[in-house]
């Protein structure tokens, strides 16, 4: 009998790519859980000693963050997106965001969702950029407002090494100079960026000509960090953290803004450290602050991670993304 040879193209077509993509999130969840098993065990131990009504309220605030994200995503585009699929996508995107470097998971899922819904890639990318800009402006603006209202809420002096601000500002300035130089010298990059900016500006103008879309964009962008901060405050109340709720909220916003550029999956590790430092700077004991952060991350990251990965696999299988 003559052996049948399959070309590389046919072999590739026989590979169950979509089935592999459905199972990949579950494999990543298992790998992350095994890697951070000690943190999981300690966090679950703290949850067992907490006041459950406050924890249930924190879980509700976490669920509402997906609604706020869905509202903001809809506000970033003029076209109407299917509501239930949009909400499910935000839940799945949260899981993807904790499995890939900061922001990449959720951005990839939402970009794919919008293109499947019929939006051109350029408009989908512009809507994604508008969402990220609005969420960042809302988070930093809320932090600035709270710092002005409560200037003594965070006492960072004892926590920062002497002369730490100088090198930090120098690194930021050097990074800005490098970005400007690359933009000025690389013509193809400059052309691509300018083309994208024109598309994004046109999309932003279109969104803001419709009051309902503008309200959804900025209202959802503000509600998202408020709900996240509320979750931490509720966990702090559950574990008896001796810090005023508004100071806990300010500590959360300061910590998340500080680690926004740290390229770790979902901020795992960096967010926990920054939150503990911020809560201690707000006046909380180190041991209780650590317990609050671990319990908070269990509720907001680890509990939704597996169902979020299952939802992501289902959306891939049903060709929603």
Protein backbone atom coordinates (compact mmCIF):
# COMPACT_ATOMS: atom_id res chain seq x y z
CA UNK A 1 0.00 0.00 0.00
CA UNK A 2 1.18 3.50 -0.80
CA UNK A 3 1.66 5.76 2.22
CA UNK A 4 -0.38 8.94 2.09
CA UNK A 5 1.67 12.04 2.67
CA UNK A 6 -0.01 15.02 4.23
CA UNK A 7 1.23 18.49 3.46
CA UNK A 8 2.01 20.87 6.36
CA UNK A 9 -1.12 22.85 5.45
CA UNK A 10 -3.36 19.78 5.75
CA UNK A 11 -1.71 18.76 9.01
CA UNK A 12 -2.31 22.24 10.38
CA UNK A 13 -5.97 22.11 9.35
CA UNK A 14 -6.37 18.79 11.18
CA UNK A 15 -5.08 20.25 14.45
CA UNK A 16 -8.11 21.04 16.69
CA UNK A 17 -7.05 24.64 17.24
CA UNK A 18 -10.37 25.83 18.66
CA UNK A 19 -10.53 22.90 21.10
CA UNK A 20 -6.99 23.68 22.25
CA UNK A 21 -7.93 27.33 22.74
CA UNK A 22 -10.93 26.23 24.83
CA UNK A 23 -8.72 24.16 27.16
CA UNK A 24 -5.77 26.56 27.33
CA UNK A 25 -7.36 28.93 29.92
CA UNK A 26 -8.00 25.97 32.27
CA UNK A 27 -4.39 24.84 31.97
CA UNK A 28 -3.17 28.36 32.73
CA UNK A 29 -5.47 28.59 35.77
CA UNK A 30 -4.06 25.32 37.11
CA UNK A 31 -0.48 26.50 36.57
CA UNK A 32 -1.07 29.86 38.29
CA UNK A 33 -2.92 28.21 41.20
CA UNK A 34 -0.09 25.71 41.79
CA UNK A 35 2.50 28.48 41.64
CA UNK A 36 0.64 30.61 44.20
CA UNK A 37 -0.77 27.79 46.36
CA UNK A 38 0.73 29.17 49.59
CA UNK A 39 -0.93 32.55 49.03
CA UNK A 40 -4.23 30.82 48.30
CA UNK A 41 -4.05 28.72 51.47
CA UNK A 42 -3.21 31.71 53.67
CA UNK A 43 -5.94 33.86 52.09
CA UNK A 44 -8.58 31.16 52.59
CA UNK A 45 -7.50 30.90 56.24
CA UNK A 46 -8.12 34.61 56.76
CA UNK A 47 -11.51 34.40 55.04
CA UNK A 48 -12.59 31.77 57.58
CA UNK A 49 -12.19 34.28 60.44
CA UNK A 50 -13.92 37.22 58.72
CA UNK A 51 -17.44 38.58 59.17
CA UNK A 52 -19.41 37.02 56.33
CA UNK A 53 -21.97 39.80 55.64
CA UNK A 54 -19.14 42.17 54.74
CA UNK A 55 -17.53 39.49 52.55
CA UNK A 56 -20.80 38.89 50.69
CA UNK A 57 -21.06 42.63 50.09
CA UNK A 58 -17.47 42.60 48.75
CA UNK A 59 -18.38 39.76 46.40
CA UNK A 60 -21.39 41.74 45.14
CA UNK A 61 -19.16 44.78 44.53
CA UNK A 62 -16.81 42.54 42.54
CA UNK A 63 -19.68 41.28 40.38
CA UNK A 64 -20.78 44.85 39.72
CA UNK A 65 -17.31 45.69 38.37
CA UNK A 66 -18.05 43.46 35.36
CA UNK A 67 -21.28 45.36 34.77
CA UNK A 68 -19.38 48.67 34.98
CA UNK A 69 -16.77 47.36 32.52
CA UNK A 70 -19.52 46.29 30.10
CA UNK A 71 -21.20 49.70 30.32
CA UNK A 72 -17.88 51.44 29.66
CA UNK A 73 -17.08 49.19 26.69
CA UNK A 74 -20.47 49.98 25.16
CA UNK A 75 -19.88 53.68 25.76
CA UNK A 76 -16.62 53.52 23.81
CA UNK A 77 -18.37 52.62 20.53
CA UNK A 78 -21.31 54.14 18.68
CA UNK A 79 -22.58 50.76 17.44
CA UNK A 80 -24.83 48.77 19.74
CA UNK A 81 -23.15 45.62 21.09
CA UNK A 82 -25.15 42.52 22.19
CA UNK A 83 -25.62 43.08 25.93
CA UNK A 84 -25.50 39.56 27.35
CA UNK A 85 -22.53 38.56 25.21
CA UNK A 86 -20.80 41.81 26.14
CA UNK A 87 -21.29 41.11 29.87
CA UNK A 88 -20.10 37.51 29.51
CA UNK A 89 -17.08 38.75 27.60
CA UNK A 90 -16.13 41.10 30.46
CA UNK A 91 -16.33 38.21 32.93
CA UNK A 92 -14.14 36.07 30.68
CA UNK A 93 -11.78 38.98 30.00
CA UNK A 94 -11.20 39.37 33.74
CA UNK A 95 -9.93 35.79 33.86
CA UNK A 96 -7.74 36.31 30.78
CA UNK A 97 -6.36 39.47 32.35
CA UNK A 98 -5.02 37.49 35.32
CA UNK A 99 -3.31 34.94 33.09
CA UNK A 100 -1.41 37.33 30.80
CA UNK A 101 0.74 40.43 31.44
CA UNK A 102 -1.17 43.46 32.67
CA UNK A 103 -4.06 44.46 30.44
CA UNK A 104 -3.13 42.22 27.48
CA UNK A 105 -5.61 39.45 28.24
CA UNK A 106 -8.69 41.64 28.59
CA UNK A 107 -7.64 43.81 25.66
CA UNK A 108 -7.18 40.82 23.35
CA UNK A 109 -10.54 39.30 24.34
CA UNK A 110 -12.43 42.56 23.88
CA UNK A 111 -10.68 43.38 20.61
CA UNK A 112 -11.65 39.96 19.24
CA UNK A 113 -15.22 40.37 20.51
CA UNK A 114 -15.69 43.72 18.77
CA UNK A 115 -14.29 42.46 15.47
CA UNK A 116 -16.58 39.42 15.60
CA UNK A 117 -19.48 41.85 16.18
CA UNK A 118 -18.61 43.47 12.85
CA UNK A 119 -16.50 46.47 13.84
CA UNK A 120 -13.42 47.03 11.64
CA UNK A 121 -10.10 46.39 13.34
CA UNK A 122 -9.13 50.08 13.24
CA UNK A 123 -12.35 51.15 14.97
CA UNK A 124 -12.12 48.30 17.48
CA UNK A 125 -8.58 49.34 18.39
CA UNK A 126 -9.67 52.97 18.70
CA UNK A 127 -12.54 51.97 20.99
CA UNK A 128 -10.14 49.91 23.09
CA UNK A 129 -7.77 52.87 23.40
CA UNK A 130 -10.67 55.17 24.34
CA UNK A 131 -11.78 52.75 27.05
CA UNK A 132 -8.28 52.54 28.53
CA UNK A 133 -7.89 56.32 28.42
CA UNK A 134 -11.25 56.96 30.10
CA UNK A 135 -10.62 54.37 32.82
CA UNK A 136 -7.15 55.77 33.52
CA UNK A 137 -8.38 59.37 33.65
CA UNK A 138 -11.21 58.41 35.99
CA UNK A 139 -8.93 56.42 38.31
CA UNK A 140 -6.20 59.07 38.50
CA UNK A 141 -8.77 61.86 38.81
CA UNK A 142 -10.52 60.08 41.68
CA UNK A 143 -7.17 59.51 43.40
CA UNK A 144 -6.22 63.18 42.99
CA UNK A 145 -9.58 64.31 44.40
CA UNK A 146 -9.20 62.08 47.46
CA UNK A 147 -5.60 63.20 48.02
CA UNK A 148 -6.73 66.84 47.94
CA UNK A 149 -9.61 66.12 50.32
CA UNK A 150 -7.52 63.94 52.67
CA UNK A 151 -3.87 65.07 52.29
CA UNK A 152 -2.74 63.25 55.45
CA UNK A 153 -4.40 59.92 54.68
CA UNK A 154 -1.18 58.25 53.46
CA UNK A 155 2.07 58.57 55.40
CA UNK A 156 4.66 57.36 52.89
CA UNK A 157 7.66 59.07 54.47
CA UNK A 158 8.75 56.18 56.72
CA UNK A 159 8.16 53.64 53.92
CA UNK A 160 10.29 55.28 51.22
CA UNK A 161 14.09 55.29 51.34
CA UNK A 162 15.76 58.67 51.65
CA UNK A 163 16.28 60.23 48.23
CA UNK A 164 14.08 57.68 46.45
CA UNK A 165 12.08 60.28 44.56
CA UNK A 166 15.05 61.64 42.59
CA UNK A 167 16.05 58.36 40.86
CA UNK A 168 12.40 57.49 40.28
CA UNK A 169 11.68 60.77 38.52
CA UNK A 170 14.92 60.39 36.56
CA UNK A 171 13.87 56.96 35.26
CA UNK A 172 10.46 58.33 34.23
CA UNK A 173 12.06 61.27 32.42
CA UNK A 174 14.56 59.00 30.63
CA UNK A 175 11.76 56.69 29.48
CA UNK A 176 9.81 59.67 28.13
CA UNK A 177 12.87 60.90 26.20
CA UNK A 178 13.39 57.44 24.66
CA UNK A 179 9.75 57.23 23.56
CA UNK A 180 9.87 60.69 21.96
CA UNK A 181 13.17 59.92 20.22
CA UNK A 182 11.91 56.64 18.76
CA UNK A 183 8.71 58.33 17.60
CA UNK A 184 10.68 61.12 15.91
CA UNK A 185 13.28 58.89 14.22
CA UNK A 186 11.26 55.88 13.02
CA UNK A 187 9.11 57.12 10.14
CA UNK A 188 6.97 53.99 9.74
CA UNK A 189 6.13 53.97 13.42
CA UNK A 190 5.29 57.68 13.31
CA UNK A 191 2.99 57.18 10.31
CA UNK A 192 1.22 54.23 11.92
CA UNK A 193 0.74 56.06 15.21
CA UNK A 194 -0.58 59.20 13.54
CA UNK A 195 -3.03 57.18 11.43
CA UNK A 196 -4.27 55.38 14.52
CA UNK A 197 -4.62 58.67 16.42
CA UNK A 198 -6.74 60.14 13.63
CA UNK A 199 -9.03 57.10 13.72
CA UNK A 200 -9.22 57.20 17.51
CA UNK A 201 -10.00 60.93 17.52
CA UNK A 202 -12.80 60.44 14.99
CA UNK A 203 -14.24 57.59 17.08
CA UNK A 204 -14.07 59.67 20.27
CA UNK A 205 -15.87 62.58 18.57
CA UNK A 206 -18.60 60.25 17.32
CA UNK A 207 -19.11 58.78 20.79
CA UNK A 208 -19.34 62.20 22.45
CA UNK A 209 -21.97 63.40 19.98
CA UNK A 210 -24.34 60.88 21.61
CA UNK A 211 -25.04 61.77 25.28
CA UNK A 212 -26.03 58.19 26.17
CA UNK A 213 -22.68 56.84 24.94
CA UNK A 214 -20.67 59.59 26.65
CA UNK A 215 -22.53 58.99 29.93
CA UNK A 216 -21.91 55.25 29.69
CA UNK A 217 -18.22 55.79 28.90
CA UNK A 218 -17.40 58.19 31.72
CA UNK A 219 -19.96 56.92 34.22
CA UNK A 220 -18.75 53.34 33.83
CA UNK A 221 -15.11 54.46 33.96
CA UNK A 222 -15.74 56.18 37.29
CA UNK A 223 -17.89 53.37 38.72
CA UNK A 224 -15.27 50.71 37.95
CA UNK A 225 -12.50 51.91 40.34
CA UNK A 226 -15.12 52.99 42.91
CA UNK A 227 -16.50 49.44 43.03
CA UNK A 228 -13.02 47.95 43.20
CA UNK A 229 -12.08 50.23 46.09
CA UNK A 230 -15.41 49.45 47.79
CA UNK A 231 -14.54 45.76 47.65
CA UNK A 232 -11.29 46.35 49.53
CA UNK A 233 -13.07 48.57 52.07
CA UNK A 234 -15.68 45.87 52.73
CA UNK A 235 -13.00 43.20 53.21
CA UNK A 236 -11.19 45.57 55.58
CA UNK A 237 -14.37 45.97 57.61
CA UNK A 238 -14.85 42.19 57.62
CA UNK A 239 -11.40 41.65 59.13
CA UNK A 240 -11.48 44.65 61.49
CA UNK A 241 -8.77 46.76 59.85
CA UNK A 242 -8.47 49.92 62.02
CA UNK A 243 -8.40 52.36 59.07
CA UNK A 244 -11.13 54.78 57.98
CA UNK A 245 -13.03 53.47 54.91
CA UNK A 246 -12.20 56.52 52.79
CA UNK A 247 -8.52 56.08 53.65
CA UNK A 248 -8.70 52.42 52.61
CA UNK A 249 -10.24 53.48 49.30
CA UNK A 250 -7.50 56.05 48.79
CA UNK A 251 -4.85 53.43 49.59
CA UNK A 252 -6.35 51.09 46.99
CA UNK A 253 -6.37 53.75 44.27
CA UNK A 254 -2.80 54.81 45.07
CA UNK A 255 -1.56 51.20 44.97
CA UNK A 256 -3.26 50.33 41.68
CA UNK A 257 -2.04 53.49 39.98
CA UNK A 258 1.50 52.77 41.20
CA UNK A 259 1.58 49.22 39.78
CA UNK A 260 -0.27 49.98 36.52
CA UNK A 261 2.94 49.73 34.49
CA UNK A 262 4.29 46.57 36.15
CA UNK A 263 4.10 43.80 33.50
CA UNK A 264 2.94 40.91 35.69
CA UNK A 265 -0.12 38.74 34.91
CA UNK A 266 -3.07 40.50 36.53
CA UNK A 267 -0.65 42.29 38.82
CA UNK A 268 -0.08 39.04 40.74
CA UNK A 269 2.50 39.77 43.41
CA UNK A 270 2.99 43.45 42.62
CA UNK A 271 -0.60 44.44 43.50
CA UNK A 272 -0.49 42.53 46.79
CA UNK A 273 2.77 44.20 47.83
CA UNK A 274 1.59 47.67 46.83
CA UNK A 275 -1.74 47.24 48.63
CA UNK A 276 -0.05 46.14 51.85
CA UNK A 277 2.32 49.11 51.70
CA UNK A 278 -0.55 51.51 51.00
CA UNK A 279 -2.72 50.16 53.84
CA UNK A 280 0.21 50.37 56.27
CA UNK A 281 0.83 53.92 55.06
CA UNK A 282 -2.84 54.63 55.83
CA UNK A 283 -2.28 53.55 59.43
CA UNK A 284 -3.11 49.84 59.42
CA UNK A 285 -1.05 47.20 61.29
CA UNK A 286 1.11 45.12 58.96
CA UNK A 287 -0.39 41.76 59.96
CA UNK A 288 -4.01 42.86 59.55
CA UNK A 289 -3.25 44.75 56.32
CA UNK A 290 -1.64 41.62 54.87
CA UNK A 291 -4.66 39.52 55.86
CA UNK A 292 -7.03 42.03 54.25
CA UNK A 293 -5.08 42.07 50.99
CA UNK A 294 -4.88 38.28 50.78
CA UNK A 295 -8.61 37.90 51.47
CA UNK A 296 -9.44 40.64 48.98
CA UNK A 297 -7.41 39.01 46.23
CA UNK A 298 -9.06 35.65 46.95
CA UNK A 299 -12.49 37.22 46.35
CA UNK A 300 -11.59 39.37 43.34
CA UNK A 301 -9.04 37.16 41.56
CA UNK A 302 -9.00 33.55 42.62
CA UNK A 303 -12.70 32.77 43.12
CA UNK A 304 -13.75 34.13 39.67
CA UNK A 305 -10.68 32.70 37.92
CA UNK A 306 -11.95 29.18 37.18
CA UNK A 307 -15.53 30.12 36.16
CA UNK A 308 -14.07 32.97 34.12
CA UNK A 309 -11.75 30.55 32.32
CA UNK A 310 -14.68 28.20 31.66
CA UNK A 311 -16.68 31.12 30.26
CA UNK A 312 -13.74 32.11 28.08
CA UNK A 313 -13.48 28.58 26.70
CA UNK A 314 -17.22 28.51 26.01
CA UNK A 315 -17.12 31.85 24.20
CA UNK A 316 -14.27 30.59 22.02
CA UNK A 317 -16.16 27.37 21.29
CA UNK A 318 -19.36 29.26 20.37
CA UNK A 319 -17.33 31.66 18.20
CA UNK A 320 -18.41 34.71 20.23
CA UNK A 321 -14.71 35.66 20.36
